[in-house]
Protein backbone atom coordinates (compact mmCIF):
# COMPACT_ATOMS: atom_id res chain seq x y z
CA MET A 1 0.00 0.03 0.05
CA LYS A 2 1.59 3.11 -1.13
CA LYS A 3 1.48 6.32 0.89
CA ILE A 4 0.86 9.73 -0.86
CA ALA A 5 0.69 13.31 0.84
CA ILE A 6 -0.96 16.25 -0.80
CA ILE A 7 0.21 19.63 0.26
CA GLY A 8 -2.45 22.31 -0.26
CA GLY A 9 -6.33 22.21 0.02
CA GLY A 10 -7.20 24.40 -3.03
CA ILE A 11 -9.06 23.07 -6.03
CA SER A 12 -5.81 21.45 -7.49
CA GLY A 13 -5.22 19.53 -4.27
CA LEU A 14 -8.75 18.52 -3.88
CA ALA A 15 -9.09 17.26 -7.41
CA ALA A 16 -5.96 15.33 -7.02
CA LEU A 17 -7.45 13.70 -3.71
CA HIS A 18 -10.56 12.80 -5.62
CA PHE A 19 -8.69 11.25 -8.41
CA LEU A 20 -6.62 9.11 -6.21
CA ARG A 21 -9.51 8.08 -3.91
CA SER A 22 -11.84 7.23 -6.83
CA ARG A 23 -9.28 5.36 -8.92
CA TYR A 24 -6.59 3.92 -6.64
CA ALA A 25 -8.28 3.52 -3.18
CA ASP A 26 -7.26 -0.10 -2.93
CA SER A 27 -3.60 0.57 -3.75
CA CYS A 28 -2.74 3.83 -1.89
CA LYS A 29 -3.28 5.74 1.46
CA VAL A 30 -3.66 9.46 0.80
CA ILE A 31 -3.81 12.42 3.09
CA LEU A 32 -4.26 16.14 2.21
CA TYR A 33 -2.61 18.72 4.59
CA GLU A 34 -3.80 22.31 4.35
CA LYS A 35 -2.18 25.08 6.33
CA GLU A 36 -5.33 27.00 6.96
CA TYR A 37 -8.30 25.91 8.78
CA ARG A 38 -10.51 26.25 5.80
CA LEU A 39 -10.19 24.73 2.26
CA GLY A 40 -10.46 26.22 -1.16
CA GLY A 41 -7.51 28.65 -1.38
CA THR A 42 -8.64 31.68 -3.31
CA ILE A 43 -12.09 30.06 -3.89
CA GLY A 44 -14.65 31.30 -1.34
CA THR A 45 -18.15 32.44 -1.34
CA ASP A 46 -19.85 34.78 1.34
CA ARG A 47 -23.50 34.47 1.76
CA ILE A 48 -24.64 37.56 3.62
CA SER A 49 -27.97 39.60 3.73
CA GLY A 50 -29.18 37.90 0.59
CA TYR A 51 -26.00 38.46 -1.35
CA SER A 52 -23.73 35.74 -2.64
CA SER A 53 -20.29 37.07 -3.27
CA ASP A 54 -17.31 34.93 -4.46
CA TRP A 55 -13.94 35.87 -3.02
CA GLY A 56 -11.84 35.04 -6.17
CA PRO A 57 -12.76 32.87 -9.04
CA ASN A 58 -16.53 33.05 -9.88
CA GLY A 59 -16.80 30.13 -12.07
CA PHE A 60 -15.35 28.03 -14.87
CA LEU A 61 -16.02 27.52 -18.55
CA ASP A 62 -18.00 24.55 -19.36
CA LYS A 63 -15.83 23.55 -22.28
CA VAL A 64 -13.73 20.96 -20.63
CA PRO A 65 -15.22 17.52 -20.25
CA LEU A 66 -13.08 16.32 -17.41
CA THR A 67 -14.25 19.24 -15.09
CA LEU A 68 -17.87 18.30 -15.80
CA LYS A 69 -17.00 14.71 -15.16
CA LEU A 70 -15.37 15.44 -11.97
CA VAL A 71 -18.51 17.40 -10.84
CA ASP A 72 -20.73 14.47 -11.88
CA GLU A 73 -18.55 12.06 -9.98
CA LEU A 74 -19.03 14.00 -6.85
CA GLY A 75 -22.75 13.76 -7.34
CA PHE A 76 -22.98 17.57 -7.80
CA THR A 77 -24.18 18.03 -11.40
CA ASP A 78 -27.71 18.92 -10.38
CA LYS A 79 -26.28 21.95 -8.57
CA LEU A 80 -24.64 23.41 -11.69
CA GLU A 81 -25.84 26.81 -12.83
CA ARG A 82 -24.89 28.25 -16.14
CA ALA A 83 -24.64 31.93 -16.90
CA ASN A 84 -27.66 33.72 -18.16
CA PRO A 85 -27.52 33.61 -21.98
CA LYS A 86 -28.74 37.32 -21.89
CA SER A 87 -25.41 38.15 -20.20
CA GLU A 88 -23.24 37.39 -23.18
CA ASN A 89 -22.85 41.05 -24.08
CA ARG A 90 -19.40 42.45 -23.16
CA PHE A 91 -18.43 46.04 -23.09
CA ILE A 92 -15.14 48.18 -23.33
CA TYR A 93 -15.03 51.71 -21.72
CA ARG A 94 -13.57 53.98 -24.30
CA ASN A 95 -13.37 57.78 -24.47
CA GLY A 96 -15.83 58.11 -21.58
CA LYS A 97 -18.37 55.75 -22.69
CA LEU A 98 -19.25 52.01 -22.73
CA HIS A 99 -19.27 50.26 -26.08
CA ALA A 100 -20.65 46.89 -26.80
CA ILE A 101 -18.15 44.49 -28.47
CA SER A 102 -20.37 43.19 -31.32
CA ALA A 103 -20.05 39.53 -32.62
CA SER A 104 -20.89 40.78 -36.09
CA PRO A 105 -17.67 41.84 -37.91
CA LEU A 106 -19.62 44.53 -39.89
CA LYS A 107 -21.14 46.04 -36.68
CA PHE A 108 -17.72 45.84 -34.88
CA LEU A 109 -16.08 47.71 -37.73
CA ARG A 110 -18.54 50.55 -37.37
CA SER A 111 -17.97 50.80 -33.75
CA PRO A 112 -16.39 53.85 -32.21
CA LEU A 113 -14.06 51.72 -30.29
CA LEU A 114 -11.40 52.10 -32.79
CA SER A 115 -10.52 55.23 -35.03
CA ALA A 116 -10.88 54.84 -38.90
CA ALA A 117 -7.16 54.25 -39.09
CA GLY A 118 -7.33 51.52 -36.35
CA ARG A 119 -10.14 49.78 -38.18
CA MET A 120 -8.26 49.79 -41.45
CA ARG A 121 -5.25 48.39 -39.70
CA LEU A 122 -7.46 45.83 -38.15
CA VAL A 123 -9.07 44.59 -41.48
CA SER A 124 -5.55 44.27 -43.10
CA GLU A 125 -4.73 41.47 -40.64
CA PRO A 126 -5.19 38.73 -43.25
CA PHE A 127 -2.50 40.26 -45.46
CA ARG A 128 0.15 40.55 -42.69
CA LYS A 129 3.02 38.07 -42.88
CA ALA A 130 2.94 35.32 -40.41
CA LYS A 131 5.81 34.96 -37.88
CA LYS A 132 8.36 32.36 -39.28
CA ASP A 133 10.27 31.23 -36.28
CA ASP A 134 8.99 29.36 -33.08
CA SER A 135 10.33 31.98 -30.65
CA ASP A 136 7.96 33.28 -27.91
CA GLU A 137 6.74 36.87 -27.87
CA SER A 138 4.69 38.94 -25.49
CA VAL A 139 0.90 39.05 -25.89
CA PHE A 140 1.00 42.79 -26.79
CA ASP A 141 3.72 42.42 -29.39
CA PHE A 142 1.85 39.53 -31.05
CA ALA A 143 -1.52 41.57 -30.98
CA SER A 144 0.25 44.68 -32.28
CA ARG A 145 1.77 42.71 -35.10
CA ARG A 146 -1.34 41.08 -36.15
CA ILE A 147 -4.10 43.62 -35.57
CA GLY A 148 -2.30 46.91 -34.88
CA THR A 149 -1.15 48.83 -31.79
CA GLU A 150 -4.52 50.76 -31.35
CA ALA A 151 -6.52 47.46 -31.45
CA ALA A 152 -3.94 45.86 -29.16
CA GLU A 153 -4.23 48.74 -26.53
CA ASN A 154 -7.95 48.90 -26.58
CA LEU A 155 -9.03 45.20 -27.00
CA ILE A 156 -6.28 43.04 -26.01
CA VAL A 157 -4.63 44.87 -23.05
CA PRO A 158 -7.98 45.07 -21.05
CA MET A 159 -8.75 41.39 -21.85
CA VAL A 160 -5.45 40.42 -20.39
CA SER A 161 -6.01 42.65 -17.33
CA GLY A 162 -9.46 41.03 -16.83
CA ILE A 163 -8.19 37.49 -17.14
CA PHE A 164 -4.61 37.48 -15.70
CA GLY A 165 -4.53 40.80 -14.01
CA GLY A 166 -1.30 41.11 -16.01
CA ASP A 167 0.83 43.17 -18.15
CA SER A 168 0.30 42.20 -21.66
CA ARG A 169 3.83 43.53 -22.63
CA LYS A 170 5.45 40.88 -20.31
CA LEU A 171 3.13 37.89 -20.69
CA SER A 172 4.06 34.97 -22.86
CA LEU A 173 1.82 34.19 -25.80
CA LYS A 174 2.76 30.59 -25.77
CA SER A 175 1.71 30.19 -22.21
CA CYS A 176 -1.29 32.61 -21.89
CA PHE A 177 -2.96 32.29 -25.30
CA PRO A 178 -1.44 29.18 -27.17
CA ILE A 179 -4.51 28.94 -29.43
CA MET A 180 -3.62 32.44 -30.93
CA GLU A 181 -0.06 31.17 -31.79
CA GLU A 182 -1.60 27.91 -33.21
CA MET A 183 -3.98 29.89 -35.27
CA GLU A 184 -1.29 32.03 -36.93
CA ARG A 185 1.03 29.04 -37.34
CA GLU A 186 -1.64 26.94 -39.10
CA HIS A 187 -3.59 29.54 -41.08
CA GLY A 188 -1.15 32.45 -41.46
CA SER A 189 -3.84 34.83 -40.12
CA LEU A 190 -6.31 35.00 -37.16
CA PHE A 191 -9.05 35.89 -39.37
CA LYS A 192 -8.41 33.09 -41.70
CA ALA A 193 -8.26 30.67 -38.90
CA MET A 194 -11.67 31.93 -37.60
CA LEU A 195 -13.13 31.41 -41.10
CA ALA A 196 -11.69 27.92 -41.19
CA ARG A 197 -13.21 27.10 -37.85
CA LYS A 198 -16.52 28.48 -38.82
CA LYS A 199 -16.41 26.27 -41.99
CA LYS A 200 -15.51 23.28 -40.13
CA LYS A 201 -18.17 23.63 -37.36
CA GLY A 202 -20.82 25.10 -39.63
CA SER A 203 -21.40 27.98 -37.19
CA SER A 204 -19.70 31.12 -35.92
CA GLY A 205 -15.99 30.88 -35.69
CA GLY A 206 -16.11 32.78 -32.24
CA PRO A 207 -13.24 34.59 -30.86
CA ALA A 208 -9.79 33.44 -30.52
CA GLY A 209 -9.93 33.65 -26.77
CA PRO A 210 -11.89 31.53 -24.23
CA SER A 211 -15.09 29.77 -25.28
CA GLY A 212 -17.81 27.85 -23.44
CA ARG A 213 -20.32 29.35 -20.99
CA LEU A 214 -19.35 30.57 -17.46
CA THR A 215 -20.56 27.98 -14.95
CA SER A 216 -20.90 28.05 -11.29
CA PHE A 217 -23.12 26.56 -8.67
CA GLN A 218 -26.53 27.48 -7.21
CA THR A 219 -24.99 28.77 -3.92
CA GLY A 220 -21.65 30.05 -5.42
CA LEU A 221 -18.48 28.33 -6.39
CA TYR A 222 -17.43 27.53 -2.80
CA SER A 223 -20.19 25.01 -2.65
CA LEU A 224 -17.87 22.77 -4.84
CA ILE A 225 -15.28 22.92 -1.95
CA GLU A 226 -17.81 22.22 0.49
CA LYS A 227 -18.91 19.01 -1.45
CA PHE A 228 -15.20 17.80 -1.62
CA ASN A 229 -15.03 18.28 2.24
CA GLU A 230 -18.33 16.43 2.62
CA LEU A 231 -17.08 13.44 0.82
CA TYR A 232 -13.43 13.40 1.83
CA ALA A 233 -13.24 15.01 5.34
CA GLU A 234 -11.40 11.84 6.81
CA PHE A 235 -8.53 12.25 4.36
CA ILE A 236 -7.99 15.97 5.00
CA GLU A 237 -6.13 17.59 7.89
CA THR A 238 -6.50 21.54 8.20
CA GLY A 239 -4.15 23.62 10.27
CA ALA A 240 -1.36 21.50 9.15
CA GLU A 241 1.47 23.61 7.89
CA ALA A 242 4.13 21.86 5.73
CA LEU A 243 7.55 23.22 6.54
CA ARG A 244 10.12 20.85 4.63
CA ILE A 245 10.45 18.04 2.14
CA GLU A 246 13.52 15.75 2.38
CA LYS A 247 14.47 12.94 0.04
CA THR A 248 14.84 9.47 1.63
CA ASP A 249 16.06 6.11 0.26
CA SER A 250 12.32 5.04 -0.25
CA GLY A 251 10.74 8.32 -1.08
CA PHE A 252 10.15 11.53 0.87
CA ARG A 253 10.13 12.84 4.35
CA LEU A 254 7.51 15.61 5.14
CA SER A 255 8.01 17.90 8.19
CA LEU A 256 4.86 19.55 9.60
CA LYS A 257 4.71 22.43 12.05
CA GLU A 258 4.63 21.03 15.61
CA ARG A 259 4.32 17.39 14.48
CA GLN A 260 6.72 14.45 13.95
CA PRO A 261 8.11 14.07 10.39
CA LEU A 262 6.15 11.55 8.20
CA ASP A 263 7.52 9.27 5.25
CA PHE A 264 5.56 9.04 1.99
CA ASP A 265 6.31 7.23 -1.37
CA ALA A 266 5.16 10.33 -3.11
CA ILE A 267 4.18 13.93 -2.48
CA ILE A 268 1.88 16.33 -4.63
CA CYS A 269 2.59 19.81 -4.06
CA SER A 270 -0.43 21.90 -4.83
CA THR A 271 0.31 25.25 -2.93
CA PRO A 272 1.13 28.48 -4.73
CA SER A 273 4.49 28.16 -6.28
CA TYR A 274 6.12 30.93 -4.17
CA VAL A 275 5.33 28.73 -0.90
CA LEU A 276 7.60 25.79 -2.15
CA PRO A 277 11.05 27.13 -2.19
CA GLY A 278 11.14 27.28 1.61
CA MET A 279 10.24 23.61 1.67
CA LEU A 280 12.49 22.48 -0.99
CA ARG A 281 15.61 24.48 -0.59
CA GLU A 282 17.49 21.96 1.52
CA MET A 283 16.68 19.16 -0.69
CA ASP A 284 17.40 20.97 -4.05
CA LYS A 285 18.45 24.51 -4.18
CA SER A 286 18.20 24.74 -7.97
CA LEU A 287 14.52 23.57 -7.85
CA ALA A 288 13.60 25.95 -5.24
CA SER A 289 15.27 28.83 -7.19
CA LEU A 290 13.40 27.86 -10.34
CA LEU A 291 10.00 27.86 -8.54
CA ASP A 292 11.05 31.27 -7.03
CA THR A 293 11.16 32.81 -10.57
CA ILE A 294 7.36 32.57 -11.32
CA PRO A 295 6.11 35.97 -10.40
CA TYR A 296 2.46 36.79 -8.91
CA ALA A 297 0.18 39.82 -9.38
CA SER A 298 -1.76 41.20 -6.38
CA ILE A 299 -5.35 41.93 -7.00
CA SER A 300 -8.46 42.97 -5.18
CA VAL A 301 -12.06 41.96 -5.69
CA VAL A 302 -14.65 44.58 -4.54
CA CYS A 303 -18.37 43.39 -4.46
CA LEU A 304 -20.88 46.30 -4.10
CA GLY A 305 -24.65 46.07 -3.79
CA TYR A 306 -26.76 48.83 -5.14
CA ASN A 307 -30.35 49.62 -5.53
CA ARG A 308 -31.35 48.80 -9.11
CA ASN A 309 -33.17 52.17 -9.56
CA ASP A 310 -29.98 53.96 -8.63
CA ILE A 311 -28.20 52.80 -11.75
CA ALA A 312 -28.79 54.38 -15.11
CA HIS A 313 -27.19 51.64 -17.34
CA ASP A 314 -29.64 48.66 -18.08
CA LEU A 315 -26.80 46.16 -17.01
CA SER A 316 -27.77 43.94 -19.89
CA GLY A 317 -24.66 42.06 -20.29
CA PHE A 318 -21.66 40.45 -18.67
CA GLY A 319 -19.71 43.46 -17.63
CA PHE A 320 -17.05 45.86 -19.06
CA LEU A 321 -13.40 46.26 -19.09
CA ILE A 322 -11.11 49.33 -19.08
CA PRO A 323 -7.94 49.86 -21.20
CA ARG A 324 -5.11 51.22 -19.16
CA SER A 325 -4.91 54.28 -21.57
CA GLU A 326 -8.25 55.50 -20.20
CA GLY A 327 -6.60 56.69 -16.86
CA LYS A 328 -8.81 54.67 -14.50
CA ARG A 329 -7.60 52.27 -11.92
CA LEU A 330 -10.53 50.02 -12.12
CA LEU A 331 -9.58 47.00 -14.43
CA GLY A 332 -13.30 46.18 -15.01
CA SER A 333 -16.48 45.12 -13.50
CA ILE A 334 -18.71 42.01 -13.75
CA TRP A 335 -22.41 42.38 -13.33
CA THR A 336 -22.90 39.47 -11.02
CA SER A 337 -26.72 39.91 -10.73
CA SER A 338 -27.21 39.84 -14.55
CA ILE A 339 -25.11 36.61 -14.91
CA PHE A 340 -26.47 34.29 -12.11
CA GLU A 341 -29.77 34.29 -10.34
CA GLY A 342 -30.04 34.84 -6.60
CA ARG A 343 -26.72 36.62 -6.16
CA SER A 344 -28.53 39.74 -4.66
CA PRO A 345 -31.82 40.47 -2.98
CA ASP A 346 -34.87 41.59 -4.93
CA GLY A 347 -34.67 45.07 -6.18
CA MET A 348 -30.87 45.13 -5.75
CA VAL A 349 -27.92 44.37 -7.97
CA GLN A 350 -24.35 43.14 -7.12
CA LEU A 351 -21.41 44.54 -9.15
CA ARG A 352 -18.05 42.58 -8.77
CA SER A 353 -15.05 44.81 -9.70
CA MET A 354 -11.30 44.25 -9.89
CA ILE A 355 -8.53 46.60 -9.15
CA GLY A 356 -4.76 46.12 -8.88
CA GLY A 357 -2.83 43.65 -10.98
CA ALA A 358 0.67 43.75 -12.45
CA THR A 359 0.20 47.38 -13.78
CA ASP A 360 -1.08 48.76 -10.41
CA PRO A 361 0.67 46.71 -7.75
CA GLU A 362 0.17 49.40 -5.01
CA ALA A 363 -3.66 49.16 -5.14
CA VAL A 364 -3.83 46.10 -2.98
CA ASP A 365 -2.39 48.27 -0.07
CA LEU A 366 -5.17 50.74 -0.20
CA SER A 367 -7.25 50.87 2.96
CA ASP A 368 -10.66 49.36 2.59
CA GLY A 369 -12.14 52.86 2.85
CA ALA A 370 -9.98 54.30 0.15
CA MET A 371 -10.58 51.24 -2.23
CA LEU A 372 -14.41 51.59 -1.60
CA ASP A 373 -14.30 55.24 -2.51
CA LEU A 374 -12.05 54.65 -5.59
CA VAL A 375 -14.33 51.73 -6.97
CA HIS A 376 -17.68 53.47 -6.23
CA GLY A 377 -16.50 56.62 -7.85
CA GLU A 378 -15.28 55.01 -11.01
CA LEU A 379 -18.31 52.62 -11.18
CA SER A 380 -20.52 55.85 -10.87
CA ASP A 381 -18.73 57.71 -13.66
CA THR A 382 -19.07 54.59 -15.91
CA LEU A 383 -22.63 53.30 -15.12
CA GLY A 384 -24.41 56.44 -13.96
CA ILE A 385 -24.82 55.51 -10.36
CA THR A 386 -26.52 58.07 -8.21
CA GLY A 387 -26.82 56.14 -4.84
CA LYS A 388 -24.35 54.71 -2.39
CA PRO A 389 -23.67 50.94 -2.08
CA SER A 390 -25.58 49.34 0.73
CA PHE A 391 -23.55 46.14 0.64
CA VAL A 392 -19.76 45.92 0.59
CA ARG A 393 -17.35 43.18 0.50
CA ILE A 394 -13.63 43.55 -0.20
CA PHE A 395 -11.30 40.66 -0.87
CA LYS A 396 -7.56 41.39 -1.17
CA TRP A 397 -5.25 38.87 -2.71
CA LYS A 398 -1.45 39.57 -2.29
CA GLN A 399 0.31 37.35 -4.77
CA GLY A 400 -3.14 36.31 -6.03
CA ILE A 401 -2.61 35.39 -9.78
CA PRO A 402 0.61 33.83 -11.22
CA GLN A 403 2.11 35.67 -14.13
CA PHE A 404 3.17 33.52 -17.13
CA GLU A 405 5.92 35.88 -18.37
CA LEU A 406 8.22 35.45 -21.21
CA GLY A 407 10.37 32.53 -20.51
CA HIS A 408 7.66 30.48 -18.88
CA PRO A 409 7.63 27.60 -21.22
CA GLU A 410 11.33 27.16 -20.54
CA LYS A 411 10.66 27.11 -16.84
CA LEU A 412 8.02 24.34 -17.29
CA ALA A 413 10.60 22.30 -19.33
CA LYS A 414 13.16 22.69 -16.52
CA LEU A 415 10.59 21.75 -13.90
CA ALA A 416 9.75 18.58 -15.94
CA GLN A 417 13.52 17.72 -15.81
CA PHE A 418 13.43 18.13 -11.96
CA GLY A 419 10.48 15.61 -11.94
CA GLU A 420 12.72 13.19 -13.60
CA LYS A 421 15.45 13.82 -11.05
CA HIS A 422 13.06 13.47 -8.12
CA PRO A 423 10.47 10.89 -9.13
CA GLY A 424 7.46 10.74 -6.94
CA LEU A 425 7.47 14.55 -6.40
CA ALA A 426 4.88 16.31 -8.40
CA PHE A 427 3.69 19.88 -8.85
CA THR A 428 0.08 20.89 -9.51
CA GLY A 429 -1.77 24.21 -9.18
CA ASN A 430 -2.45 27.34 -11.25
CA ALA A 431 1.24 28.43 -11.57
CA TYR A 432 2.10 26.05 -14.36
CA ASP A 433 -0.23 25.25 -17.29
CA GLY A 434 -3.06 27.75 -16.71
CA ILE A 435 -4.75 29.81 -14.11
CA GLY A 436 -8.43 28.85 -14.46
CA LEU A 437 -10.23 26.13 -12.61
CA ASN A 438 -10.24 23.83 -15.64
CA ASP A 439 -6.46 24.10 -16.04
CA CYS A 440 -6.01 23.07 -12.43
CA VAL A 441 -8.34 20.02 -12.76
CA VAL A 442 -6.64 18.91 -15.99
CA ARG A 443 -3.10 19.16 -14.59
CA SER A 444 -4.18 17.28 -11.24
CA ASP A 445 -5.48 14.56 -13.43
CA LYS A 446 -2.30 14.26 -15.31
CA VAL A 447 -0.12 14.40 -12.10
CA VAL A 448 -2.07 11.63 -10.58
CA SER A 449 -1.97 9.50 -13.74
CA ASP A 450 1.80 9.94 -14.04
CA LEU A 451 2.32 9.16 -10.21
CA ALA A 452 0.11 6.00 -10.47
CA LYS A 453 2.52 4.71 -13.36
CA TYR A 454 5.49 5.49 -11.43
CA LEU A 455 4.22 3.85 -8.23
CA GLY A 456 2.90 0.89 -10.20
CA ILE A 457 -0.67 1.22 -8.57
CA GLN A 458 -3.88 0.48 -10.20
């Protein structure tokens, strides 16, 4: 019977626990250690005064079968909640106004989002030469080269801020938007690639970015974490801080705070990557140093509840993003009440806004009062709000989102080499292949499958 430890009780660690217990329960003993006295990491949901407010992630895209299969195996499919189809409209704040991003190419090209010159540059994309070599480039450089600097500034930069809280001039295209690189490589043009996809599917080619519908659960995303805890509580220890990992002749030794060291055949590390160097430095300084090179951006989520009658905008959509060139600190806002039912009391609406990120790292250090004033003020300017919020929840995440900067693919290649050097030691989480819940589930599935092969369990 093999012994496996999982360090970290976020979605990655919990998914790994489920995959091990559901597939290899007769072949291994597994225990998950979580430093805090709650599970979920950045996933949390406050349910207060009729509002349901997510601390960090607010859902996942229903485009990855493995995640939906996981939910089904947990017996939780009946609690899934898809975003309201009426919330599909997205907006960009430009020149002091909100502009809808039209799915129709003709309508989009008539939009005041871009100048006449910017639109002409955009439509010339199919005639631009494709990049010949396989070298990585920043998301911004790629977008500027393909669709022009103006479109990059006003479309791509805010999208990157909204997804990664990142600086598009530093983020790796290969790591953040591999599908865009693939589209250029295979078709020579983004537009040509979208036409090819449309022809193949017999429907709209859609955007080059994420697809699928935003999906959560009826009582918020944290209910998924609660379901894991309900099913696997006997295999989870909270308030258990991992301090050090050492290599032994038969596997690994894990030292926990105020406990005796324990030996395991394998260890799955699912904490944020910046936590790991302290645990691993004595065992392998080079591995610790590599993990130390993955940067994180700090971000704050501000959830505000307003009387619906105090907002001029009809809030018919998903929300809006703001280009950095507009001079506002707000990255964007999601209209939670328009997306999911039951997230606010009758007659009220909940707006979920983001501030900070890699381009505004000091924002997370604002006092709650200053942050509230800033967010409320910019929302009022943007949406025509006349009243004060009657509900306020602020969640600050220092080192909240990993940043896949240029050179990230090389870091992953080196990490794989360390995996060969230390078989039985595995890494999962949002710091490697992708930051979304789907990415975490997929990586944990692979990590568990690879460990099972190494340990010879079935």
